[in-house]
């Protein structure tokens, strides 16, 4: 004891030599200044996961990405078809605004209100995704404002 302070003696730590434990000296830190600690990086924000087969985000991730404004404005490109005079299909583009969680069936109802074509005669086709299924939501297909879908007249029994 030096002036009331214990003198630091190297600690004996058992080490393994040839299968037997033998008393040894604890490793010491190398002399010199300690390296500066690395700054802690904030974690990367979670990126939405994409389905590997379709390349689409989940509905939940897509709606989170949209934020508070979940209304999407979809452009529906109509064909030029005069086969039924009750329908006003003149090659125009329709703008339809709906909540992203609305179903494709609800989108078809909006198209019916504008052109008079029944939902069961409509098929909506996206350039990358193909035909859209009625029961699924716009968020399922990751449709956002400005996306264009094509209205196709469903033909049954024609050759």
Protein backbone atom coordinates (compact mmCIF):
# COMPACT_ATOMS: atom_id res chain seq x y z
CA UNK A 1 0.00 0.00 0.00
CA UNK A 2 1.45 3.33 -1.07
CA UNK A 3 -0.05 6.37 0.67
CA UNK A 4 -3.32 4.58 1.28
CA UNK A 5 -3.68 3.47 -2.34
CA UNK A 6 -3.26 -0.10 -3.38
CA UNK A 7 -0.47 -0.63 -5.84
CA UNK A 8 -1.68 -2.18 -9.05
CA UNK A 9 -0.24 -5.61 -9.53
CA UNK A 10 -0.80 -7.61 -12.67
CA UNK A 11 -3.74 -9.98 -12.18
CA UNK A 12 -3.10 -13.65 -12.60
CA UNK A 13 -5.45 -15.22 -15.08
CA UNK A 14 -5.43 -18.94 -15.73
CA UNK A 15 -4.41 -19.84 -19.27
CA UNK A 16 -4.63 -23.16 -21.06
CA UNK A 17 -1.28 -24.73 -21.90
CA UNK A 18 -1.16 -28.28 -23.26
CA UNK A 19 -4.57 -29.13 -21.87
CA UNK A 20 -3.81 -27.88 -18.34
CA UNK A 21 -4.72 -24.57 -16.68
CA UNK A 22 -1.64 -22.65 -15.55
CA UNK A 23 -1.49 -19.28 -13.77
CA UNK A 24 -0.62 -16.55 -16.22
CA UNK A 25 -0.55 -12.79 -16.47
CA UNK A 26 -3.57 -10.91 -17.79
CA UNK A 27 -3.03 -9.19 -21.12
CA UNK A 28 -2.38 -5.49 -20.84
CA UNK A 29 -3.53 -2.65 -23.06
CA UNK A 30 -0.96 -1.33 -25.48
CA UNK A 31 0.59 1.97 -24.50
CA UNK A 32 -0.54 5.11 -26.27
CA UNK A 33 -3.70 7.11 -26.68
CA UNK A 34 -6.99 5.27 -27.00
CA UNK A 35 -8.54 5.42 -30.46
CA UNK A 36 -11.47 7.81 -30.76
CA UNK A 37 -14.81 6.01 -30.47
CA UNK A 38 -16.64 5.60 -33.77
CA UNK A 39 -19.78 7.77 -33.98
CA UNK A 40 -22.96 5.76 -33.70
CA UNK A 41 -24.87 5.84 -36.96
CA UNK A 42 -28.64 6.12 -36.75
CA UNK A 43 -30.34 2.99 -38.07
CA UNK A 44 -31.42 3.06 -41.69
CA UNK A 45 -35.13 3.79 -42.05
CA UNK A 46 -37.05 0.66 -42.87
CA UNK A 47 -37.65 0.34 -46.56
CA UNK A 48 -40.91 -1.23 -47.60
CA UNK A 49 -40.51 -4.85 -48.57
CA UNK A 50 -41.24 -5.74 -52.14
CA UNK A 51 -42.85 -8.98 -53.19
CA UNK A 52 -40.13 -10.74 -55.24
CA UNK A 53 -42.63 -12.13 -57.76
CA UNK A 54 -44.57 -8.92 -58.47
CA UNK A 55 -42.24 -6.16 -57.29
CA UNK A 56 -45.12 -4.60 -55.33
CA UNK A 57 -45.22 -3.32 -51.74
CA UNK A 58 -47.79 -4.65 -49.31
CA UNK A 59 -51.01 -2.64 -48.92
CA UNK A 60 -49.92 -1.48 -45.46
CA UNK A 61 -46.49 -0.28 -46.65
CA UNK A 62 -48.05 1.44 -49.66
CA UNK A 63 -50.64 3.32 -47.56
CA UNK A 64 -47.93 4.31 -45.05
CA UNK A 65 -45.85 5.69 -47.90
CA UNK A 66 -48.80 7.78 -49.11
CA UNK A 67 -49.14 9.31 -45.65
CA UNK A 68 -52.20 11.33 -44.62
CA UNK A 69 -53.43 11.97 -48.18
CA UNK A 70 -54.61 8.52 -49.22
CA UNK A 71 -56.67 9.77 -52.17
CA UNK A 72 -55.33 8.69 -55.54
CA UNK A 73 -56.35 10.06 -58.92
CA UNK A 74 -56.34 7.36 -61.60
CA UNK A 75 -56.60 8.09 -65.30
CA UNK A 76 -58.81 5.61 -67.18
CA UNK A 77 -58.20 5.51 -70.94
CA UNK A 78 -61.42 4.58 -72.77
CA UNK A 79 -61.51 2.86 -76.15
CA UNK A 80 -63.24 4.31 -79.17
CA UNK A 81 -66.16 1.86 -79.37
CA UNK A 82 -69.59 2.58 -80.83
CA UNK A 83 -70.91 -1.00 -80.56
CA UNK A 84 -73.41 0.05 -77.86
CA UNK A 85 -75.05 3.47 -78.21
CA UNK A 86 -75.79 3.60 -74.45
CA UNK A 87 -72.07 3.77 -73.69
CA UNK A 88 -70.10 6.93 -74.35
CA UNK A 89 -66.78 5.38 -75.30
CA UNK A 90 -65.18 8.02 -77.51
CA UNK A 91 -61.48 7.38 -76.84
CA UNK A 92 -61.46 9.88 -73.95
CA UNK A 93 -59.52 9.74 -70.69
CA UNK A 94 -61.43 9.82 -67.41
CA UNK A 95 -59.99 11.09 -64.14
CA UNK A 96 -61.27 9.14 -61.12
CA UNK A 97 -60.29 10.02 -57.54
CA UNK A 98 -60.73 7.38 -54.85
CA UNK A 99 -59.23 6.33 -51.52
CA UNK A 100 -56.28 3.99 -52.08
CA UNK A 101 -58.05 1.25 -50.11
CA UNK A 102 -61.02 1.30 -52.52
CA UNK A 103 -61.51 -1.86 -54.52
CA UNK A 104 -61.17 -2.13 -58.28
CA UNK A 105 -64.94 -2.81 -58.29
CA UNK A 106 -65.48 0.68 -56.80
CA UNK A 107 -63.27 2.16 -59.54
CA UNK A 108 -65.45 0.40 -62.13
CA UNK A 109 -68.57 1.87 -60.48
CA UNK A 110 -67.09 5.36 -60.94
CA UNK A 111 -66.35 4.56 -64.60
CA UNK A 112 -69.95 3.34 -65.01
CA UNK A 113 -71.22 6.65 -63.61
CA UNK A 114 -69.21 8.56 -66.23
CA UNK A 115 -69.68 6.44 -69.38
CA UNK A 116 -72.74 4.28 -68.64
CA UNK A 117 -70.98 0.96 -69.15
CA UNK A 118 -71.95 -1.79 -66.64
CA UNK A 119 -69.17 -3.08 -64.38
CA UNK A 120 -69.52 -6.65 -65.64
CA UNK A 121 -68.70 -5.48 -69.18
CA UNK A 122 -65.53 -3.65 -68.05
CA UNK A 123 -62.01 -4.94 -67.75
CA UNK A 124 -59.31 -2.63 -66.41
CA UNK A 125 -55.80 -3.29 -67.62
CA UNK A 126 -52.56 -1.81 -66.30
CA UNK A 127 -49.52 -1.70 -68.60
CA UNK A 128 -47.24 -3.55 -66.12
CA UNK A 129 -49.71 -5.48 -63.95
CA UNK A 130 -52.15 -6.82 -66.54
CA UNK A 131 -55.85 -7.09 -65.75
CA UNK A 132 -56.90 -5.86 -62.29
CA UNK A 133 -59.04 -8.14 -60.12
CA UNK A 134 -62.30 -6.63 -58.82
CA UNK A 135 -61.94 -7.77 -55.20
CA UNK A 136 -58.46 -6.30 -54.65
CA UNK A 137 -57.73 -2.72 -53.62
CA UNK A 138 -55.92 0.00 -55.52
CA UNK A 139 -53.24 -0.16 -52.78
CA UNK A 140 -52.77 -3.88 -53.47
CA UNK A 141 -51.73 -2.96 -57.01
CA UNK A 142 -49.71 0.07 -55.72
CA UNK A 143 -51.72 2.41 -57.98
CA UNK A 144 -50.82 6.02 -57.25
CA UNK A 145 -51.97 9.35 -58.60
CA UNK A 146 -51.15 9.75 -62.27
CA UNK A 147 -51.21 6.03 -63.08
CA UNK A 148 -53.11 5.08 -66.23
CA UNK A 149 -55.33 2.03 -66.64
CA UNK A 150 -56.96 1.01 -69.89
CA UNK A 151 -60.66 0.21 -70.11
CA UNK A 152 -61.30 -2.85 -72.25
CA UNK A 153 -64.77 -4.00 -73.32
CA UNK A 154 -65.26 -7.54 -72.05
CA UNK A 155 -66.19 -9.66 -75.05
CA UNK A 156 -67.88 -12.99 -74.41
CA UNK A 157 -68.48 -15.65 -76.98
CA UNK A 158 -67.04 -13.71 -79.91
CA UNK A 159 -64.74 -15.32 -82.42
